[in-house]
Amino acid sequence: MNGGGKYSWGVMVVVAMVVVAMWEVKTGGAAPSTAECKEERRLGINACKPVLYGKDPSPACCERIRVTKIECVCPMVTPKLAALVDVNRAVRLIESCGRKVPRHYQCGSITSP
């Protein structure tokens, strides 16, 4: 990731929420509302805040990573955000929560290795 310190970990929290969508299998049903997506992102960011300070993801963070809907996260991945992301590191973070990330999956402006 570019740079170091707390800013880099902040980007990792956002990336964790973004990359989580890379392996989610879409299920039937209505798309989440704007309010539902906003709440999912808020819950995920709050659960994963300790990652900002160099800590490993907590069980609560990992749970949010596993349940966040792709439709709520991928639209947030702009080219500007993608330029700040070390995708390999983000994938390791996600996989440390017990999830696999498919190879070459595109989520917004990020593609997994």
PDB file of N, CA and C in Angstrom:
ATOM      1  N   MET A   1       0.840  -1.167   0.000  1.00  0.00           N
ATOM      2  CA  MET A   1       0.000   0.000   0.000  1.00  0.00           C
ATOM      3  C   MET A   1       0.886   1.231   0.000  1.00  0.00           C
ATOM      4  N   ASN A   2       0.424   2.296  -0.577  1.00  0.00           N
ATOM      5  CA  ASN A   2       1.198   3.521  -0.595  1.00  0.00           C
ATOM      6  C   ASN A   2       1.268   4.100   0.799  1.00  0.00           C
ATOM      7  N   GLY A   3       2.422   4.597   1.204  1.00  0.00           N
ATOM      8  CA  GLY A   3       2.554   5.232   2.497  1.00  0.00           C
ATOM      9  C   GLY A   3       2.498   4.234   3.621  1.00  0.00           C
ATOM     10  N   GLY A   4       2.381   4.736   4.825  1.00  0.00           N
ATOM     11  CA  GLY A   4       2.329   3.849   5.968  1.00  0.00           C
ATOM     12  C   GLY A   4       1.473   4.458   7.046  1.00  0.00           C
ATOM     13  N   GLY A   5       1.494   3.815   8.200  1.00  0.00           N
ATOM     14  CA  GLY A   5       0.817   4.355   9.354  1.00  0.00           C
ATOM     15  C   GLY A   5      -0.682   4.210   9.320  1.00  0.00           C
ATOM     16  N   LYS A   6      -1.324   5.085  10.102  1.00  0.00           N
ATOM     17  CA  LYS A   6      -2.771   5.002  10.301  1.00  0.00           C
ATOM     18  C   LYS A   6      -3.555   5.203   9.008  1.00  0.00           C
ATOM     19  N   TYR A   7      -3.084   6.082   8.119  1.00  0.00           N
ATOM     20  CA  TYR A   7      -3.814   6.316   6.877  1.00  0.00           C
ATOM     21  C   TYR A   7      -3.904   5.029   6.059  1.00  0.00           C
ATOM     22  N   SER A   8      -2.798   4.298   5.976  1.00  0.00           N
ATOM     23  CA  SER A   8      -2.791   3.051   5.223  1.00  0.00           C
ATOM     24  C   SER A   8      -3.776   2.057   5.813  1.00  0.00           C
ATOM     25  N   TRP A   9      -3.838   1.984   7.149  1.00  0.00           N
ATOM     26  CA  TRP A   9      -4.791   1.064   7.781  1.00  0.00           C
ATOM     27  C   TRP A   9      -6.215   1.527   7.546  1.00  0.00           C
ATOM     28  N   GLY A  10      -6.435   2.838   7.483  1.00  0.00           N
ATOM     29  CA  GLY A  10      -7.769   3.349   7.176  1.00  0.00           C
ATOM     30  C   GLY A  10      -8.210   2.896   5.799  1.00  0.00           C
ATOM     31  N   VAL A  11      -7.293   2.959   4.867  1.00  0.00           N
ATOM     32  CA  VAL A  11      -7.595   2.487   3.521  1.00  0.00           C
ATOM     33  C   VAL A  11      -7.884   0.986   3.560  1.00  0.00           C
ATOM     34  N   MET A  12      -7.148   0.249   4.404  1.00  0.00           N
ATOM     35  CA  MET A  12      -7.374  -1.193   4.508  1.00  0.00           C
ATOM     36  C   MET A  12      -8.784  -1.509   5.001  1.00  0.00           C
ATOM     37  N   VAL A  13      -9.316  -0.713   5.925  1.00  0.00           N
ATOM     38  CA  VAL A  13     -10.683  -0.944   6.398  1.00  0.00           C
ATOM     39  C   VAL A  13     -11.659  -0.777   5.243  1.00  0.00           C
ATOM     40  N   VAL A  14     -11.480   0.290   4.476  1.00  0.00           N
ATOM     41  CA  VAL A  14     -12.342   0.504   3.320  1.00  0.00           C
ATOM     42  C   VAL A  14     -12.176  -0.639   2.333  1.00  0.00           C
ATOM     43  N   VAL A  15     -10.940  -1.038   2.102  1.00  0.00           N
ATOM     44  CA  VAL A  15     -10.666  -2.121   1.168  1.00  0.00           C
ATOM     45  C   VAL A  15     -11.286  -3.424   1.656  1.00  0.00           C
ATOM     46  N   ALA A  16     -11.202  -3.669   2.951  1.00  0.00           N
ATOM     47  CA  ALA A  16     -11.810  -4.882   3.495  1.00  0.00           C
ATOM     48  C   ALA A  16     -13.290  -4.914   3.161  1.00  0.00           C
ATOM     49  N   MET A  17     -13.936  -3.788   3.294  1.00  0.00           N
ATOM     50  CA  MET A  17     -15.356  -3.735   2.990  1.00  0.00           C
ATOM     51  C   MET A  17     -15.608  -3.858   1.485  1.00  0.00           C
ATOM     52  N   VAL A  18     -14.656  -3.408   0.700  1.00  0.00           N
ATOM     53  CA  VAL A  18     -14.784  -3.499  -0.756  1.00  0.00           C
ATOM     54  C   VAL A  18     -14.520  -4.920  -1.230  1.00  0.00           C
ATOM     55  N   VAL A  19     -13.411  -5.477  -0.784  1.00  0.00           N
ATOM     56  CA  VAL A  19     -13.009  -6.788  -1.264  1.00  0.00           C
ATOM     57  C   VAL A  19     -13.961  -7.874  -0.793  1.00  0.00           C
ATOM     58  N   VAL A  20     -14.625  -7.643   0.344  1.00  0.00           N
ATOM     59  CA  VAL A  20     -15.591  -8.628   0.824  1.00  0.00           C
ATOM     60  C   VAL A  20     -16.597  -8.961  -0.271  1.00  0.00           C
ATOM     61  N   ALA A  21     -16.922  -7.997  -1.065  1.00  0.00           N
ATOM     62  CA  ALA A  21     -17.904  -8.200  -2.113  1.00  0.00           C
ATOM     63  C   ALA A  21     -17.377  -9.068  -3.244  1.00  0.00           C
ATOM     64  N   MET A  22     -16.080  -9.269  -3.311  1.00  0.00           N
ATOM     65  CA  MET A  22     -15.491  -9.989  -4.433  1.00  0.00           C
ATOM     66  C   MET A  22     -15.861 -11.464  -4.481  1.00  0.00           C
ATOM     67  N   TRP A  23     -16.244 -12.050  -3.382  1.00  0.00           N
ATOM     68  CA  TRP A  23     -16.550 -13.475  -3.412  1.00  0.00           C
ATOM     69  C   TRP A  23     -17.997 -13.780  -3.100  1.00  0.00           C
ATOM     70  N   GLU A  24     -18.786 -12.763  -2.783  1.00  0.00           N
ATOM     71  CA  GLU A  24     -20.166 -13.007  -2.395  1.00  0.00           C
ATOM     72  C   GLU A  24     -20.964 -13.518  -3.579  1.00  0.00           C
ATOM     73  N   VAL A  25     -21.703 -14.560  -3.353  1.00  0.00           N
ATOM     74  CA  VAL A  25     -22.589 -15.089  -4.381  1.00  0.00           C
ATOM     75  C   VAL A  25     -23.921 -14.385  -4.235  1.00  0.00           C
ATOM     76  N   LYS A  26     -24.371 -13.786  -5.316  1.00  0.00           N
ATOM     77  CA  LYS A  26     -25.640 -13.087  -5.256  1.00  0.00           C
ATOM     78  C   LYS A  26     -26.771 -14.083  -5.048  1.00  0.00           C
ATOM     79  N   THR A  27     -27.677 -13.700  -4.193  1.00  0.00           N
ATOM     80  CA  THR A  27     -28.851 -14.524  -3.962  1.00  0.00           C
ATOM     81  C   THR A  27     -30.057 -13.792  -4.514  1.00  0.00           C
ATOM     82  N   GLY A  28     -31.151 -14.532  -4.674  1.00  0.00           N
ATOM     83  CA  GLY A  28     -32.360 -13.933  -5.205  1.00  0.00           C
ATOM     84  C   GLY A  28     -32.925 -12.904  -4.251  1.00  0.00           C
ATOM     85  N   GLY A  29     -33.873 -12.143  -4.735  1.00  0.00           N
ATOM     86  CA  GLY A  29     -34.522 -11.159  -3.883  1.00  0.00           C
ATOM     87  C   GLY A  29     -34.244  -9.754  -4.369  1.00  0.00           C
ATOM     88  N   ALA A  30     -34.871  -8.828  -3.683  1.00  0.00           N
ATOM     89  CA  ALA A  30     -34.753  -7.424  -4.054  1.00  0.00           C
ATOM     90  C   ALA A  30     -33.378  -6.882  -3.684  1.00  0.00           C
ATOM     91  N   ALA A  31     -32.933  -5.920  -4.466  1.00  0.00           N
ATOM     92  CA  ALA A  31     -31.664  -5.253  -4.172  1.00  0.00           C
ATOM     93  C   ALA A  31     -31.825  -4.437  -2.896  1.00  0.00           C
ATOM     94  N   PRO A  32     -30.751  -4.295  -2.127  1.00  0.00           N
ATOM     95  CA  PRO A  32     -30.854  -3.499  -0.901  1.00  0.00           C
ATOM     96  C   PRO A  32     -31.102  -2.028  -1.226  1.00  0.00           C
ATOM     97  N   SER A  33     -31.806  -1.358  -0.334  1.00  0.00           N
ATOM     98  CA  SER A  33     -32.092   0.068  -0.528  1.00  0.00           C
ATOM     99  C   SER A  33     -30.832   0.885  -0.231  1.00  0.00           C
ATOM    100  N   THR A  34     -30.872   2.145  -0.594  1.00  0.00           N
ATOM    101  CA  THR A  34     -29.764   3.052  -0.309  1.00  0.00           C
ATOM    102  C   THR A  34     -29.522   3.127   1.198  1.00  0.00           C
ATOM    103  N   ALA A  35     -30.589   3.190   1.966  1.00  0.00           N
ATOM    104  CA  ALA A  35     -30.464   3.260   3.425  1.00  0.00           C
ATOM    105  C   ALA A  35     -29.858   1.975   3.989  1.00  0.00           C
ATOM    106  N   GLU A  36     -30.265   0.833   3.458  1.00  0.00           N
ATOM    107  CA  GLU A  36     -29.708  -0.442   3.913  1.00  0.00           C
ATOM    108  C   GLU A  36     -28.210  -0.519   3.611  1.00  0.00           C
ATOM    109  N   CYS A  37     -27.821  -0.092   2.428  1.00  0.00           N
ATOM    110  CA  CYS A  37     -26.402  -0.107   2.062  1.00  0.00           C
ATOM    111  C   CYS A  37     -25.592   0.831   2.949  1.00  0.00           C
ATOM    112  N   LYS A  38     -26.128   2.000   3.202  1.00  0.00           N
ATOM    113  CA  LYS A  38     -25.436   2.950   4.061  1.00  0.00           C
ATOM    114  C   LYS A  38     -25.220   2.345   5.443  1.00  0.00           C
ATOM    115  N   GLU A  39     -26.231   1.675   5.972  1.00  0.00           N
ATOM    116  CA  GLU A  39     -26.125   1.039   7.282  1.00  0.00           C
ATOM    117  C   GLU A  39     -25.111  -0.107   7.260  1.00  0.00           C
ATOM    118  N   GLU A  40     -25.106  -0.916   6.199  1.00  0.00           N
ATOM    119  CA  GLU A  40     -24.120  -2.003   6.095  1.00  0.00           C
ATOM    120  C   GLU A  40     -22.700  -1.455   6.099  1.00  0.00           C
ATOM    121  N   ARG A  41     -22.468  -0.406   5.350  1.00  0.00           N
ATOM    122  CA  ARG A  41     -21.125   0.188   5.315  1.00  0.00           C
ATOM    123  C   ARG A  41     -20.747   0.753   6.679  1.00  0.00           C
ATOM    124  N   ARG A  42     -21.694   1.419   7.352  1.00  0.00           N
ATOM    125  CA  ARG A  42     -21.434   1.987   8.675  1.00  0.00           C
ATOM    126  C   ARG A  42     -21.075   0.889   9.678  1.00  0.00           C
ATOM    127  N   LEU A  43     -21.848  -0.183   9.683  1.00  0.00           N
ATOM    128  CA  LEU A  43     -21.589  -1.294  10.595  1.00  0.00           C
ATOM    129  C   LEU A  43     -20.218  -1.914  10.332  1.00  0.00           C
ATOM    130  N   GLY A  44     -19.893  -2.092   9.066  1.00  0.00           N
ATOM    131  CA  GLY A  44     -18.611  -2.692   8.713  1.00  0.00           C
ATOM    132  C   GLY A  44     -17.439  -1.828   9.108  1.00  0.00           C
ATOM    133  N   ILE A  45     -17.525  -0.554   8.841  1.00  0.00           N
ATOM    134  CA  ILE A  45     -16.436   0.352   9.186  1.00  0.00           C
ATOM    135  C   ILE A  45     -16.264   0.404  10.701  1.00  0.00           C
ATOM    136  N   ASN A  46     -17.374   0.488  11.442  1.00  0.00           N
ATOM    137  CA  ASN A  46     -17.276   0.510  12.906  1.00  0.00           C
ATOM    138  C   ASN A  46     -16.686  -0.790  13.449  1.00  0.00           C
ATOM    139  N   ALA A  47     -17.109  -1.921  12.926  1.00  0.00           N
ATOM    140  CA  ALA A  47     -16.610  -3.214  13.411  1.00  0.00           C
ATOM    141  C   ALA A  47     -15.126  -3.398  13.112  1.00  0.00           C
ATOM    142  N   CYS A  48     -14.659  -2.785  12.042  1.00  0.00           N
ATOM    143  CA  CYS A  48     -13.272  -2.997  11.618  1.00  0.00           C
ATOM    144  C   CYS A  48     -12.333  -1.851  11.999  1.00  0.00           C
ATOM    145  N   LYS A  49     -12.798  -0.887  12.777  1.00  0.00           N
ATOM    146  CA  LYS A  49     -11.945   0.244  13.162  1.00  0.00           C
ATOM    147  C   LYS A  49     -10.621  -0.158  13.793  1.00  0.00           C
ATOM    148  N   PRO A  50     -10.559  -1.199  14.651  1.00  0.00           N
ATOM    149  CA  PRO A  50      -9.260  -1.550  15.237  1.00  0.00           C
ATOM    150  C   PRO A  50      -8.179  -1.858  14.199  1.00  0.00           C
ATOM    151  N   VAL A  51      -8.593  -2.247  13.008  1.00  0.00           N
ATOM    152  CA  VAL A  51      -7.625  -2.506  11.941  1.00  0.00           C
ATOM    153  C   VAL A  51      -6.869  -1.210  11.618  1.00  0.00           C
ATOM    154  N   LEU A  52      -7.523  -0.068  11.850  1.00  0.00           N
ATOM    155  CA  LEU A  52      -6.877   1.226  11.631  1.00  0.00           C
ATOM    156  C   LEU A  52      -5.602   1.377  12.452  1.00  0.00           C
ATOM    157  N   TYR A  53      -5.557   0.698  13.589  1.00  0.00           N
ATOM    158  CA  TYR A  53      -4.435   0.838  14.507  1.00  0.00           C
ATOM    159  C   TYR A  53      -3.503  -0.362  14.473  1.00  0.00           C
ATOM    160  N   GLY A  54      -3.561  -1.107  13.381  1.00  0.00           N
ATOM    161  CA  GLY A  54      -2.628  -2.202  13.178  1.00  0.00           C
ATOM    162  C   GLY A  54      -3.035  -3.522  13.798  1.00  0.00           C
ATOM    163  N   LYS A  55      -4.243  -3.589  14.328  1.00  0.00           N
ATOM    164  CA  LYS A  55      -4.709  -4.834  14.938  1.00  0.00           C
ATOM    165  C   LYS A  55      -5.263  -5.772  13.871  1.00  0.00           C
ATOM    166  N   ASP A  56      -5.273  -7.055  14.196  1.00  0.00           N
ATOM    167  CA  ASP A  56      -5.898  -8.029  13.308  1.00  0.00           C
ATOM    168  C   ASP A  56      -7.404  -7.823  13.338  1.00  0.00           C
ATOM    169  N   PRO A  57      -8.097  -8.260  12.296  1.00  0.00           N
ATOM    170  CA  PRO A  57      -9.557  -8.135  12.303  1.00  0.00           C
ATOM    171  C   PRO A  57     -10.144  -8.932  13.464  1.00  0.00           C
ATOM    172  N   SER A  58     -11.097  -8.333  14.158  1.00  0.00           N
ATOM    173  CA  SER A  58     -11.786  -8.999  15.264  1.00  0.00           C
ATOM    174  C   SER A  58     -12.823  -9.968  14.694  1.00  0.00           C
ATOM    175  N   PRO A  59     -13.358 -10.847  15.537  1.00  0.00           N
ATOM    176  CA  PRO A  59     -14.454 -11.708  15.067  1.00  0.00           C
ATOM    177  C   PRO A  59     -15.635 -10.888  14.516  1.00  0.00           C
ATOM    178  N   ALA A  60     -15.935  -9.746  15.147  1.00  0.00           N
ATOM    179  CA  ALA A  60     -17.035  -8.904  14.662  1.00  0.00           C
ATOM    180  C   ALA A  60     -16.717  -8.323  13.288  1.00  0.00           C
ATOM    181  N   CYS A  61     -15.476  -7.910  13.091  1.00  0.00           N
ATOM    182  CA  CYS A  61     -15.053  -7.392  11.787  1.00  0.00           C
ATOM    183  C   CYS A  61     -15.164  -8.485  10.733  1.00  0.00           C
ATOM    184  N   CYS A  62     -14.656  -9.664  11.058  1.00  0.00           N
ATOM    185  CA  CYS A  62     -14.725 -10.769  10.101  1.00  0.00           C
ATOM    186  C   CYS A  62     -16.170 -11.122   9.759  1.00  0.00           C
ATOM    187  N   GLU A  63     -17.039 -11.073  10.747  1.00  0.00           N
ATOM    188  CA  GLU A  63     -18.459 -11.353  10.490  1.00  0.00           C
ATOM    189  C   GLU A  63     -19.031 -10.335   9.503  1.00  0.00           C
ATOM    190  N   ARG A  64     -18.719  -9.063   9.710  1.00  0.00           N
ATOM    191  CA  ARG A  64     -19.211  -8.026   8.789  1.00  0.00           C
ATOM    192  C   ARG A  64     -18.640  -8.263   7.395  1.00  0.00           C
ATOM    193  N   ILE A  65     -17.376  -8.646   7.319  1.00  0.00           N
ATOM    194  CA  ILE A  65     -16.759  -8.921   6.025  1.00  0.00           C
ATOM    195  C   ILE A  65     -17.502 -10.056   5.320  1.00  0.00           C
ATOM    196  N   ARG A  66     -17.935 -11.040   6.074  1.00  0.00           N
ATOM    197  CA  ARG A  66     -18.633 -12.178   5.473  1.00  0.00           C
ATOM    198  C   ARG A  66     -20.058 -11.858   5.041  1.00  0.00           C
ATOM    199  N   VAL A  67     -20.729 -10.901   5.668  1.00  0.00           N
ATOM    200  CA  VAL A  67     -22.152 -10.692   5.379  1.00  0.00           C
ATOM    201  C   VAL A  67     -22.470  -9.452   4.548  1.00  0.00           C
ATOM    202  N   THR A  68     -21.517  -8.594   4.324  1.00  0.00           N
ATOM    203  CA  THR A  68     -21.784  -7.372   3.564  1.00  0.00           C
ATOM    204  C   THR A  68     -22.150  -7.694   2.120  1.00  0.00           C
ATOM    205  N   LYS A  69     -23.159  -7.029   1.605  1.00  0.00           N
ATOM    206  CA  LYS A  69     -23.656  -7.282   0.250  1.00  0.00           C
ATOM    207  C   LYS A  69     -22.811  -6.570  -0.799  1.00  0.00           C
ATOM    208  N   ILE A  70     -22.544  -7.281  -1.890  1.00  0.00           N
ATOM    209  CA  ILE A  70     -21.739  -6.754  -2.990  1.00  0.00           C
ATOM    210  C   ILE A  70     -22.323  -5.460  -3.555  1.00  0.00           C
ATOM    211  N   GLU A  71     -23.635  -5.396  -3.629  1.00  0.00           N
ATOM    212  CA  GLU A  71     -24.298  -4.224  -4.206  1.00  0.00           C
ATOM    213  C   GLU A  71     -24.067  -2.967  -3.387  1.00  0.00           C
ATOM    214  N   CYS A  72     -23.695  -3.136  -2.122  1.00  0.00           N
ATOM    215  CA  CYS A  72     -23.482  -1.991  -1.241  1.00  0.00           C
ATOM    216  C   CYS A  72     -22.044  -1.491  -1.262  1.00  0.00           C
ATOM    217  N   VAL A  73     -21.130  -2.323  -1.728  1.00  0.00           N
ATOM    218  CA  VAL A  73     -19.717  -1.985  -1.606  1.00  0.00           C
ATOM    219  C   VAL A  73     -19.066  -1.647  -2.938  1.00  0.00           C
ATOM    220  N   CYS A  74     -19.230  -2.488  -3.925  1.00  0.00           N
ATOM    221  CA  CYS A  74     -18.502  -2.291  -5.187  1.00  0.00           C
ATOM    222  C   CYS A  74     -18.722  -0.927  -5.839  1.00  0.00           C
ATOM    223  N   PRO A  75     -19.925  -0.357  -5.788  1.00  0.00           N
ATOM    224  CA  PRO A  75     -20.083   0.971  -6.397  1.00  0.00           C
ATOM    225  C   PRO A  75     -19.219   2.056  -5.740  1.00  0.00           C
ATOM    226  N   MET A  76     -18.730   1.802  -4.541  1.00  0.00           N
ATOM    227  CA  MET A  76     -17.913   2.787  -3.832  1.00  0.00           C
ATOM    228  C   MET A  76     -16.450   2.759  -4.286  1.00  0.00           C
ATOM    229  N   VAL A  77     -16.065   1.737  -5.053  1.00  0.00           N
ATOM    230  CA  VAL A  77     -14.662   1.576  -5.446  1.00  0.00           C
ATOM    231  C   VAL A  77     -14.390   2.382  -6.712  1.00  0.00           C
ATOM    232  N   THR A  78     -13.890   3.582  -6.508  1.00  0.00           N
ATOM    233  CA  THR A  78     -13.561   4.481  -7.609  1.00  0.00           C
ATOM    234  C   THR A  78     -12.111   4.252  -8.037  1.00  0.00           C
ATOM    235  N   PRO A  79     -11.731   4.733  -9.198  1.00  0.00           N
ATOM    236  CA  PRO A  79     -10.316   4.631  -9.589  1.00  0.00           C
ATOM    237  C   PRO A  79      -9.387   5.304  -8.573  1.00  0.00           C
ATOM    238  N   LYS A  80      -9.815   6.399  -7.967  1.00  0.00           N
ATOM    239  CA  LYS A  80      -8.994   7.103  -6.974  1.00  0.00           C
ATOM    240  C   LYS A  80      -8.754   6.215  -5.752  1.00  0.00           C
ATOM    241  N   LEU A  81      -9.785   5.553  -5.250  1.00  0.00           N
ATOM    242  CA  LEU A  81      -9.630   4.643  -4.119  1.00  0.00           C
ATOM    243  C   LEU A  81      -8.784   3.439  -4.516  1.00  0.00           C
ATOM    244  N   ALA A  82      -9.056   2.890  -5.682  1.00  0.00           N
ATOM    245  CA  ALA A  82      -8.319   1.708  -6.141  1.00  0.00           C
ATOM    246  C   ALA A  82      -6.818   1.984  -6.224  1.00  0.00           C
ATOM    247  N   ALA A  83      -6.439   3.205  -6.563  1.00  0.00           N
ATOM    248  CA  ALA A  83      -5.023   3.555  -6.672  1.00  0.00           C
ATOM    249  C   ALA A  83      -4.314   3.508  -5.312  1.00  0.00           C
ATOM    250  N   LEU A  84      -5.062   3.568  -4.221  1.00  0.00           N
ATOM    251  CA  LEU A  84      -4.487   3.556  -2.875  1.00  0.00           C
ATOM    252  C   LEU A  84      -4.393   2.154  -2.277  1.00  0.00           C
ATOM    253  N   VAL A  85      -4.890   1.166  -2.993  1.00  0.00           N
ATOM    254  CA  VAL A  85      -5.076  -0.156  -2.428  1.00  0.00           C
ATOM    255  C   VAL A  85      -3.987  -1.132  -2.847  1.00  0.00           C
ATOM    256  N   ASP A  86      -3.445  -1.847  -1.882  1.00  0.00           N
ATOM    257  CA  ASP A  86      -2.599  -3.001  -2.147  1.00  0.00           C
ATOM    258  C   ASP A  86      -3.545  -4.197  -2.117  1.00  0.00           C
ATOM    259  N   VAL A  87      -3.979  -4.621  -3.284  1.00  0.00           N
ATOM    260  CA  VAL A  87      -5.002  -5.664  -3.379  1.00  0.00           C
ATOM    261  C   VAL A  87      -4.530  -6.969  -2.748  1.00  0.00           C
ATOM    262  N   ASN A  88      -3.261  -7.324  -2.933  1.00  0.00           N
ATOM    263  CA  ASN A  88      -2.754  -8.569  -2.344  1.00  0.00           C
ATOM    264  C   ASN A  88      -2.886  -8.546  -0.823  1.00  0.00           C
ATOM    265  N   ARG A  89      -2.568  -7.430  -0.227  1.00  0.00           N
ATOM    266  CA  ARG A  89      -2.691  -7.297   1.228  1.00  0.00           C
ATOM    267  C   ARG A  89      -4.162  -7.366   1.657  1.00  0.00           C
ATOM    268  N   ALA A  90      -5.022  -6.723   0.896  1.00  0.00           N
ATOM    269  CA  ALA A  90      -6.452  -6.757   1.213  1.00  0.00           C
ATOM    270  C   ALA A  90      -6.992  -8.185   1.123  1.00  0.00           C
ATOM    271  N   VAL A  91      -6.566  -8.916   0.120  1.00  0.00           N
ATOM    272  CA  VAL A  91      -7.009 -10.301  -0.029  1.00  0.00           C
ATOM    273  C   VAL A  91      -6.537 -11.135   1.162  1.00  0.00           C
ATOM    274  N   ARG A  92      -5.308 -10.920   1.598  1.00  0.00           N
ATOM    275  CA  ARG A  92      -4.812 -11.648   2.783  1.00  0.00           C
ATOM    276  C   ARG A  92      -5.659 -11.334   4.008  1.00  0.00           C
ATOM    277  N   LEU A  93      -6.044 -10.081   4.166  1.00  0.00           N
ATOM    278  CA  LEU A  93      -6.889  -9.682   5.284  1.00  0.00           C
ATOM    279  C   LEU A  93      -8.234 -10.404   5.222  1.00  0.00           C
ATOM    280  N   ILE A  94      -8.842 -10.413   4.059  1.00  0.00           N
ATOM    281  CA  ILE A  94     -10.134 -11.073   3.883  1.00  0.00           C
ATOM    282  C   ILE A  94      -9.997 -12.565   4.145  1.00  0.00           C
ATOM    283  N   GLU A  95      -8.967 -13.168   3.592  1.00  0.00           N
ATOM    284  CA  GLU A  95      -8.791 -14.607   3.776  1.00  0.00           C
ATOM    285  C   GLU A  95      -8.482 -14.961   5.224  1.00  0.00           C
ATOM    286  N   SER A  96      -7.906 -14.024   5.978  1.00  0.00           N
ATOM    287  CA  SER A  96      -7.673 -14.282   7.404  1.00  0.00           C
ATOM    288  C   SER A  96      -8.992 -14.387   8.162  1.00  0.00           C
ATOM    289  N   CYS A  97     -10.053 -13.911   7.552  1.00  0.00           N
ATOM    290  CA  CYS A  97     -11.395 -14.030   8.140  1.00  0.00           C
ATOM    291  C   CYS A  97     -12.102 -15.300   7.676  1.00  0.00           C
ATOM    292  N   GLY A  98     -11.370 -16.161   6.971  1.00  0.00           N
ATOM    293  CA  GLY A  98     -11.922 -17.450   6.579  1.00  0.00           C
ATOM    294  C   GLY A  98     -12.654 -17.455   5.252  1.00  0.00           C
ATOM    295  N   ARG A  99     -12.433 -16.445   4.437  1.00  0.00           N
ATOM    296  CA  ARG A  99     -13.101 -16.374   3.138  1.00  0.00           C
ATOM    297  C   ARG A  99     -12.073 -16.411   2.013  1.00  0.00           C
ATOM    298  N   LYS A 100     -12.427 -17.035   0.923  1.00  0.00           N
ATOM    299  CA  LYS A 100     -11.580 -17.045  -0.274  1.00  0.00           C
ATOM    300  C   LYS A 100     -12.052 -15.940  -1.214  1.00  0.00           C
ATOM    301  N   VAL A 101     -11.120 -15.359  -1.917  1.00  0.00           N
ATOM    302  CA  VAL A 101     -11.430 -14.327  -2.905  1.00  0.00           C
ATOM    303  C   VAL A 101     -11.121 -14.905  -4.280  1.00  0.00           C
ATOM    304  N   PRO A 102     -12.110 -14.956  -5.174  1.00  0.00           N
ATOM    305  CA  PRO A 102     -11.858 -15.508  -6.506  1.00  0.00           C
ATOM    306  C   PRO A 102     -10.784 -14.716  -7.253  1.00  0.00           C
ATOM    307  N   ARG A 103     -10.003 -15.428  -8.026  1.00  0.00           N
ATOM    308  CA  ARG A 103      -8.983 -14.773  -8.851  1.00  0.00           C
ATOM    309  C   ARG A 103      -9.647 -13.968  -9.965  1.00  0.00           C
ATOM    310  N   HIS A 104      -9.082 -12.819 -10.236  1.00  0.00           N
ATOM    311  CA  HIS A 104      -9.484 -11.950 -11.356  1.00  0.00           C
ATOM    312  C   HIS A 104     -10.924 -11.460 -11.270  1.00  0.00           C
ATOM    313  N   TYR A 105     -11.444 -11.320 -10.068  1.00  0.00           N
ATOM    314  CA  TYR A 105     -12.808 -10.817  -9.888  1.00  0.00           C
ATOM    315  C   TYR A 105     -12.769  -9.297  -9.826  1.00  0.00           C
ATOM    316  N   GLN A 106     -13.665  -8.635 -10.556  1.00  0.00           N
ATOM    317  CA  GLN A 106     -13.683  -7.180 -10.567  1.00  0.00           C
ATOM    318  C   GLN A 106     -14.793  -6.649  -9.666  1.00  0.00           C
ATOM    319  N   CYS A 107     -14.399  -5.728  -8.800  1.00  0.00           N
ATOM    320  CA  CYS A 107     -15.329  -5.042  -7.899  1.00  0.00           C
ATOM    321  C   CYS A 107     -15.032  -3.556  -8.036  1.00  0.00           C
ATOM    322  N   GLY A 108     -15.905  -2.834  -8.694  1.00  0.00           N
ATOM    323  CA  GLY A 108     -15.625  -1.430  -8.964  1.00  0.00           C
ATOM    324  C   GLY A 108     -14.371  -1.328  -9.805  1.00  0.00           C
ATOM    325  N   SER A 109     -13.414  -0.526  -9.348  1.00  0.00           N
ATOM    326  CA  SER A 109     -12.159  -0.340 -10.086  1.00  0.00           C
ATOM    327  C   SER A 109     -11.029  -1.235  -9.598  1.00  0.00           C
ATOM    328  N   ILE A 110     -11.345  -2.248  -8.782  1.00  0.00           N
ATOM    329  CA  ILE A 110     -10.332  -3.173  -8.289  1.00  0.00           C
ATOM    330  C   ILE A 110     -10.584  -4.546  -8.877  1.00  0.00           C
ATOM    331  N   THR A 111      -9.511  -5.202  -9.275  1.00  0.00           N
ATOM    332  CA  THR A 111      -9.586  -6.584  -9.730  1.00  0.00           C
ATOM    333  C   THR A 111      -8.654  -7.396  -8.856  1.00  0.00           C
ATOM    334  N   SER A 112      -9.163  -8.511  -8.313  1.00  0.00           N
ATOM    335  CA  SER A 112      -8.328  -9.344  -7.458  1.00  0.00           C
ATOM    336  C   SER A 112      -7.264 -10.032  -8.300  1.00  0.00           C
ATOM    337  N   PRO A 113      -6.111 -10.340  -7.659  1.00  0.00           N
ATOM    338  CA  PRO A 113      -5.022 -10.993  -8.403  1.00  0.00           C
ATOM    339  C   PRO A 113      -5.374 -12.424  -8.791  1.00  0.00           C
TER     340      PRO A 113
END
